[in-house]
Amino acid sequence: MMIAVGLTALFALAAIAALGTLGLSIAAALPRIAGIKAALADCPQTRELRFTIREITVSPRHGQVASLPVRIKPLALPQPLRAAA
């Protein structure tokens, strides 16, 4: 009986410690994620890629994607101004 109570208390403390560590990790990561998002929003040279999945074929042994053409359309970026000679 005492062993069961002791193990329950041990598992409860381990769960509390794990949740606390997870919470601290997320709290430390959120400002960094916000900084990365801001840096990406300020970046003028971004490229948009689009693709279409035409067909997905699944075999009994291995799930494989067959016939997947990826067509990349480059985004027209404005050309930088040249210095006057």
N, C-alpha and C. Protein backbone atom coordinates (compact mmCIF):
# COMPACT_ATOMS: atom_id res chain seq x y z
N MET A 1 0.82 -1.19 0.00
CA MET A 1 0.00 0.00 0.00
C MET A 1 0.87 1.26 0.00
N MET A 2 1.88 1.28 0.83
CA MET A 2 2.75 2.44 0.89
C MET A 2 3.58 2.60 -0.38
N ILE A 3 3.92 1.47 -0.99
CA ILE A 3 4.69 1.54 -2.24
C ILE A 3 3.84 2.18 -3.33
N ALA A 4 2.56 1.83 -3.40
CA ALA A 4 1.66 2.41 -4.41
C ALA A 4 1.52 3.91 -4.21
N VAL A 5 1.38 4.36 -2.99
CA VAL A 5 1.26 5.79 -2.71
C VAL A 5 2.56 6.50 -3.06
N GLY A 6 3.67 5.88 -2.71
CA GLY A 6 4.97 6.46 -3.02
C GLY A 6 5.21 6.56 -4.52
N LEU A 7 4.85 5.51 -5.27
CA LEU A 7 5.02 5.56 -6.72
C LEU A 7 4.09 6.58 -7.35
N THR A 8 2.88 6.68 -6.85
CA THR A 8 1.94 7.67 -7.37
C THR A 8 2.48 9.08 -7.15
N ALA A 9 2.99 9.33 -5.96
CA ALA A 9 3.57 10.64 -5.66
C ALA A 9 4.79 10.91 -6.54
N LEU A 10 5.61 9.90 -6.77
CA LEU A 10 6.79 10.06 -7.62
C LEU A 10 6.39 10.38 -9.05
N PHE A 11 5.42 9.66 -9.58
CA PHE A 11 4.96 9.92 -10.95
C PHE A 11 4.31 11.30 -11.06
N ALA A 12 3.57 11.70 -10.02
CA ALA A 12 2.95 13.02 -10.03
C ALA A 12 4.01 14.12 -10.03
N LEU A 13 5.04 13.97 -9.22
CA LEU A 13 6.12 14.96 -9.20
C LEU A 13 6.88 14.99 -10.53
N ALA A 14 7.08 13.82 -11.12
CA ALA A 14 7.76 13.77 -12.42
C ALA A 14 6.91 14.47 -13.49
N ALA A 15 5.59 14.27 -13.45
CA ALA A 15 4.71 14.92 -14.41
C ALA A 15 4.71 16.43 -14.22
N ILE A 16 4.70 16.89 -12.96
CA ILE A 16 4.74 18.32 -12.69
C ILE A 16 6.06 18.93 -13.16
N ALA A 17 7.15 18.22 -12.94
CA ALA A 17 8.46 18.71 -13.39
C ALA A 17 8.52 18.76 -14.91
N ALA A 18 7.97 17.74 -15.57
CA ALA A 18 7.98 17.73 -17.03
C ALA A 18 7.14 18.86 -17.60
N LEU A 19 5.97 19.10 -17.04
CA LEU A 19 5.12 20.20 -17.51
C LEU A 19 5.76 21.56 -17.23
N GLY A 20 6.42 21.69 -16.10
CA GLY A 20 7.12 22.94 -15.80
C GLY A 20 8.26 23.20 -16.77
N THR A 21 9.02 22.17 -17.08
CA THR A 21 10.11 22.31 -18.04
C THR A 21 9.58 22.66 -19.42
N LEU A 22 8.50 22.02 -19.82
CA LEU A 22 7.88 22.32 -21.11
C LEU A 22 7.39 23.75 -21.15
N GLY A 23 6.75 24.21 -20.08
CA GLY A 23 6.27 25.59 -20.01
C GLY A 23 7.40 26.60 -20.08
N LEU A 24 8.48 26.35 -19.38
CA LEU A 24 9.63 27.25 -19.43
C LEU A 24 10.28 27.28 -20.81
N SER A 25 10.35 26.13 -21.45
CA SER A 25 10.92 26.08 -22.80
C SER A 25 10.08 26.86 -23.79
N ILE A 26 8.77 26.72 -23.69
CA ILE A 26 7.88 27.46 -24.59
C ILE A 26 7.96 28.96 -24.30
N ALA A 27 8.01 29.33 -23.03
CA ALA A 27 8.11 30.75 -22.66
C ALA A 27 9.41 31.36 -23.16
N ALA A 28 10.48 30.59 -23.16
CA ALA A 28 11.77 31.10 -23.66
C ALA A 28 11.79 31.16 -25.18
N ALA A 29 11.04 30.28 -25.85
CA ALA A 29 11.09 30.21 -27.30
C ALA A 29 10.18 31.25 -27.97
N LEU A 30 9.11 31.66 -27.31
CA LEU A 30 8.15 32.57 -27.95
C LEU A 30 8.76 33.91 -28.37
N PRO A 31 9.58 34.57 -27.57
CA PRO A 31 10.19 35.82 -28.05
C PRO A 31 11.12 35.60 -29.25
N ARG A 32 11.81 34.49 -29.25
CA ARG A 32 12.70 34.20 -30.38
C ARG A 32 11.90 33.95 -31.64
N ILE A 33 10.78 33.24 -31.51
CA ILE A 33 9.93 32.99 -32.68
C ILE A 33 9.36 34.30 -33.20
N ALA A 34 8.95 35.19 -32.30
CA ALA A 34 8.44 36.49 -32.72
C ALA A 34 9.51 37.29 -33.45
N GLY A 35 10.76 37.21 -32.98
CA GLY A 35 11.86 37.90 -33.66
C GLY A 35 12.11 37.35 -35.05
N ILE A 36 12.02 36.05 -35.19
CA ILE A 36 12.23 35.44 -36.51
C ILE A 36 11.10 35.84 -37.46
N LYS A 37 9.87 35.85 -36.96
CA LYS A 37 8.73 36.25 -37.81
C LYS A 37 8.88 37.71 -38.23
N ALA A 38 9.32 38.57 -37.33
CA ALA A 38 9.51 39.97 -37.67
C ALA A 38 10.62 40.14 -38.70
N ALA A 39 11.69 39.38 -38.55
CA ALA A 39 12.79 39.46 -39.51
C ALA A 39 12.35 38.97 -40.89
N LEU A 40 11.55 37.94 -40.92
CA LEU A 40 11.04 37.45 -42.21
C LEU A 40 10.07 38.44 -42.84
N ALA A 41 9.27 39.12 -42.02
CA ALA A 41 8.34 40.11 -42.56
C ALA A 41 9.09 41.32 -43.11
N ASP A 42 10.23 41.67 -42.53
CA ASP A 42 11.02 42.81 -42.99
C ASP A 42 11.88 42.48 -44.20
N CYS A 43 12.04 41.21 -44.50
CA CYS A 43 12.90 40.80 -45.61
C CYS A 43 12.21 41.11 -46.94
N PRO A 44 12.82 41.94 -47.80
CA PRO A 44 12.17 42.31 -49.06
C PRO A 44 12.24 41.20 -50.11
N GLN A 45 13.22 40.36 -50.04
CA GLN A 45 13.39 39.35 -51.08
C GLN A 45 12.78 38.04 -50.60
N THR A 46 11.53 37.86 -50.92
CA THR A 46 10.86 36.61 -50.62
C THR A 46 10.44 35.97 -51.92
N ARG A 47 10.29 34.69 -51.91
CA ARG A 47 9.92 33.95 -53.10
C ARG A 47 8.74 33.06 -52.75
N GLU A 48 7.74 33.10 -53.59
CA GLU A 48 6.56 32.28 -53.38
C GLU A 48 6.63 31.07 -54.30
N LEU A 49 6.47 29.91 -53.73
CA LEU A 49 6.49 28.67 -54.50
C LEU A 49 5.13 28.01 -54.39
N ARG A 50 4.63 27.53 -55.52
CA ARG A 50 3.36 26.81 -55.54
C ARG A 50 3.55 25.50 -56.28
N PHE A 51 2.87 24.47 -55.81
CA PHE A 51 2.93 23.19 -56.49
C PHE A 51 1.59 22.51 -56.37
N THR A 52 1.35 21.58 -57.29
CA THR A 52 0.10 20.84 -57.34
C THR A 52 0.41 19.36 -57.33
N ILE A 53 -0.29 18.62 -56.47
CA ILE A 53 -0.14 17.17 -56.44
C ILE A 53 -1.12 16.61 -57.46
N ARG A 54 -0.61 15.91 -58.45
CA ARG A 54 -1.45 15.37 -59.52
C ARG A 54 -2.01 14.00 -59.17
N GLU A 55 -1.19 13.13 -58.60
CA GLU A 55 -1.63 11.77 -58.35
C GLU A 55 -0.85 11.20 -57.18
N ILE A 56 -1.54 10.49 -56.32
CA ILE A 56 -0.90 9.79 -55.20
C ILE A 56 -1.20 8.32 -55.36
N THR A 57 -0.16 7.51 -55.42
CA THR A 57 -0.32 6.06 -55.57
C THR A 57 0.26 5.39 -54.34
N VAL A 58 -0.50 4.49 -53.74
CA VAL A 58 -0.04 3.77 -52.56
C VAL A 58 -0.01 2.29 -52.89
N SER A 59 1.16 1.68 -52.72
CA SER A 59 1.28 0.25 -52.94
C SER A 59 1.07 -0.46 -51.61
N PRO A 60 0.76 -1.75 -51.63
CA PRO A 60 0.52 -2.45 -50.37
C PRO A 60 1.72 -2.48 -49.43
N ARG A 61 2.94 -2.49 -49.97
CA ARG A 61 4.12 -2.61 -49.12
C ARG A 61 4.68 -1.25 -48.71
N HIS A 62 4.71 -0.31 -49.63
CA HIS A 62 5.34 0.97 -49.35
C HIS A 62 4.43 2.09 -49.85
N GLY A 63 4.24 3.10 -49.03
CA GLY A 63 3.51 4.28 -49.48
C GLY A 63 4.46 5.19 -50.23
N GLN A 64 4.26 5.35 -51.51
CA GLN A 64 5.14 6.19 -52.32
C GLN A 64 4.29 7.16 -53.12
N VAL A 65 4.82 8.34 -53.31
CA VAL A 65 4.16 9.32 -54.15
C VAL A 65 4.74 9.19 -55.54
N ALA A 66 3.87 8.95 -56.51
CA ALA A 66 4.31 8.78 -57.89
C ALA A 66 3.79 9.94 -58.73
N SER A 67 4.53 10.30 -59.73
CA SER A 67 4.13 11.32 -60.70
C SER A 67 3.82 12.63 -59.99
N LEU A 68 4.83 13.21 -59.40
CA LEU A 68 4.65 14.44 -58.65
C LEU A 68 5.45 15.56 -59.31
N PRO A 69 4.92 16.17 -60.34
CA PRO A 69 5.67 17.27 -60.96
C PRO A 69 5.56 18.54 -60.12
N VAL A 70 6.67 19.15 -59.87
CA VAL A 70 6.70 20.40 -59.14
C VAL A 70 7.09 21.48 -60.12
N ARG A 71 6.17 22.40 -60.32
CA ARG A 71 6.45 23.51 -61.24
C ARG A 71 6.67 24.76 -60.41
N ILE A 72 7.84 25.29 -60.49
CA ILE A 72 8.19 26.47 -59.72
C ILE A 72 8.09 27.68 -60.63
N LYS A 73 7.23 28.63 -60.24
CA LYS A 73 7.09 29.87 -60.98
C LYS A 73 7.85 30.95 -60.22
N PRO A 74 8.92 31.47 -60.79
CA PRO A 74 9.69 32.48 -60.06
C PRO A 74 8.89 33.77 -59.92
N LEU A 75 9.05 34.39 -58.78
CA LEU A 75 8.39 35.65 -58.49
C LEU A 75 9.23 36.77 -59.10
N ALA A 76 8.58 37.66 -59.82
CA ALA A 76 9.30 38.77 -60.48
C ALA A 76 9.67 39.80 -59.42
N LEU A 77 10.95 39.88 -59.12
CA LEU A 77 11.45 40.86 -58.16
C LEU A 77 11.88 42.11 -58.91
N PRO A 78 11.69 43.30 -58.35
CA PRO A 78 12.15 44.51 -59.05
C PRO A 78 13.68 44.53 -59.12
N GLN A 79 14.17 44.97 -60.28
CA GLN A 79 15.61 45.04 -60.49
C GLN A 79 16.18 46.22 -59.70
N PRO A 80 17.34 46.04 -59.08
CA PRO A 80 17.95 47.16 -58.34
C PRO A 80 18.40 48.26 -59.30
N LEU A 81 18.36 49.49 -58.81
CA LEU A 81 18.77 50.63 -59.64
C LEU A 81 20.29 50.65 -59.76
N ARG A 82 20.76 50.98 -60.96
CA ARG A 82 22.19 51.06 -61.19
C ARG A 82 22.68 52.47 -60.90
N ALA A 83 23.90 52.57 -60.45
CA ALA A 83 24.48 53.87 -60.15
C ALA A 83 24.79 54.58 -61.47
N ALA A 84 24.57 55.88 -61.49
CA ALA A 84 24.86 56.67 -62.70
C ALA A 84 26.36 56.76 -62.90
N ALA A 85 26.74 56.66 -64.17
CA ALA A 85 28.18 56.68 -64.48
C ALA A 85 28.70 58.10 -64.57
